[in-house]
Amino acid sequence: MISVSQKKHHYAVGFFMAAVIALSWYSPASGAVSAAQADSAYNAFYNHYWNSTNNTFYKYDNRTGS
C-alpha cells in the first residue's frame, strides 16, 4: 500500500513531468526547444534519480527507495 508521503512524492514527480512537457510546448520567438536543451533536461532528471548500483531509479528525490 502506498503511504501518504509516497503519494505526495508521486504527485510531485507527476507535476514535474507535466511542467517539463508544458514548458517544452512553449516556443519563444527564437524557436522551439533545441535538442541540446531537451537532452540537458532529460540528463539532469536521469542523473538525479538513476541508481547505478542496482540499475533502477530512486523512488524519492532524497535518493532512497527504488
Protein backbone atom coordinates (compact mmCIF):
# COMPACT_ATOMS: atom_id res chain seq x y z
CA MET A 1 0.00 0.00 0.00
CA ILE A 2 1.27 3.45 -0.84
CA SER A 3 1.66 5.81 2.10
CA VAL A 4 0.52 9.43 2.07
CA SER A 5 4.12 10.65 1.76
CA GLN A 6 4.68 8.34 -1.21
CA LYS A 7 1.52 9.66 -2.86
CA LYS A 8 2.75 13.22 -2.34
CA HIS A 9 6.05 12.26 -3.92
CA HIS A 10 4.29 10.65 -6.89
CA TYR A 11 2.20 13.81 -7.33
CA ALA A 12 5.36 15.93 -7.15
CA VAL A 13 7.12 13.83 -9.80
CA GLY A 14 3.97 13.88 -11.95
CA PHE A 15 3.75 17.65 -11.59
CA PHE A 16 7.42 17.99 -12.52
CA MET A 17 6.96 15.88 -15.64
CA ALA A 18 3.81 17.81 -16.60
CA ALA A 19 5.73 21.06 -16.17
CA VAL A 20 8.55 19.77 -18.38
CA ILE A 21 6.05 18.81 -21.06
CA ALA A 22 4.19 22.11 -20.78
CA LEU A 23 7.42 24.07 -20.97
CA SER A 24 8.53 22.06 -23.98
CA TRP A 25 5.41 23.27 -25.79
CA TYR A 26 6.33 26.86 -25.03
CA SER A 27 8.07 28.27 -28.03
CA PRO A 28 9.82 31.60 -27.55
CA ALA A 29 10.13 33.91 -30.53
CA SER A 30 13.56 32.46 -31.28
CA GLY A 31 12.13 28.98 -31.87
CA ALA A 32 11.32 25.71 -30.18
CA VAL A 33 13.34 23.96 -27.51
CA SER A 34 16.53 22.69 -29.06
CA ALA A 35 17.62 19.07 -28.99
CA ALA A 36 20.54 20.07 -26.74
CA GLN A 37 18.15 21.72 -24.25
CA ALA A 38 15.89 18.66 -24.23
CA ASP A 39 18.89 16.37 -23.74
CA SER A 40 20.14 18.55 -20.90
CA ALA A 41 16.78 18.47 -19.10
CA TYR A 42 16.43 14.70 -19.52
CA ASN A 43 20.00 14.05 -18.40
CA ALA A 44 19.55 16.19 -15.27
CA PHE A 45 16.42 14.22 -14.32
CA TYR A 46 18.06 10.88 -15.16
CA ASN A 47 21.25 11.65 -13.23
CA HIS A 48 19.30 12.72 -10.16
CA TYR A 49 17.08 9.64 -9.95
CA TRP A 50 19.21 6.85 -11.51
CA ASN A 51 20.77 4.32 -9.10
CA SER A 52 23.64 2.72 -11.00
CA THR A 53 24.33 0.28 -8.14
CA ASN A 54 21.25 -1.82 -8.89
CA ASN A 55 20.21 -0.26 -12.23
CA THR A 56 16.91 1.15 -11.02
CA PHE A 57 15.57 4.60 -10.41
CA TYR A 58 15.36 6.06 -6.93
CA LYS A 59 11.80 6.42 -5.73
CA TYR A 60 12.39 9.62 -3.77
CA ASP A 61 14.32 12.78 -4.51
CA ASN A 62 16.48 12.19 -1.41
CA ARG A 63 17.88 9.18 -3.33
CA THR A 64 16.16 6.46 -1.29
CA GLY A 65 13.87 3.65 -2.32
CA SER A 66 13.95 2.04 -5.74
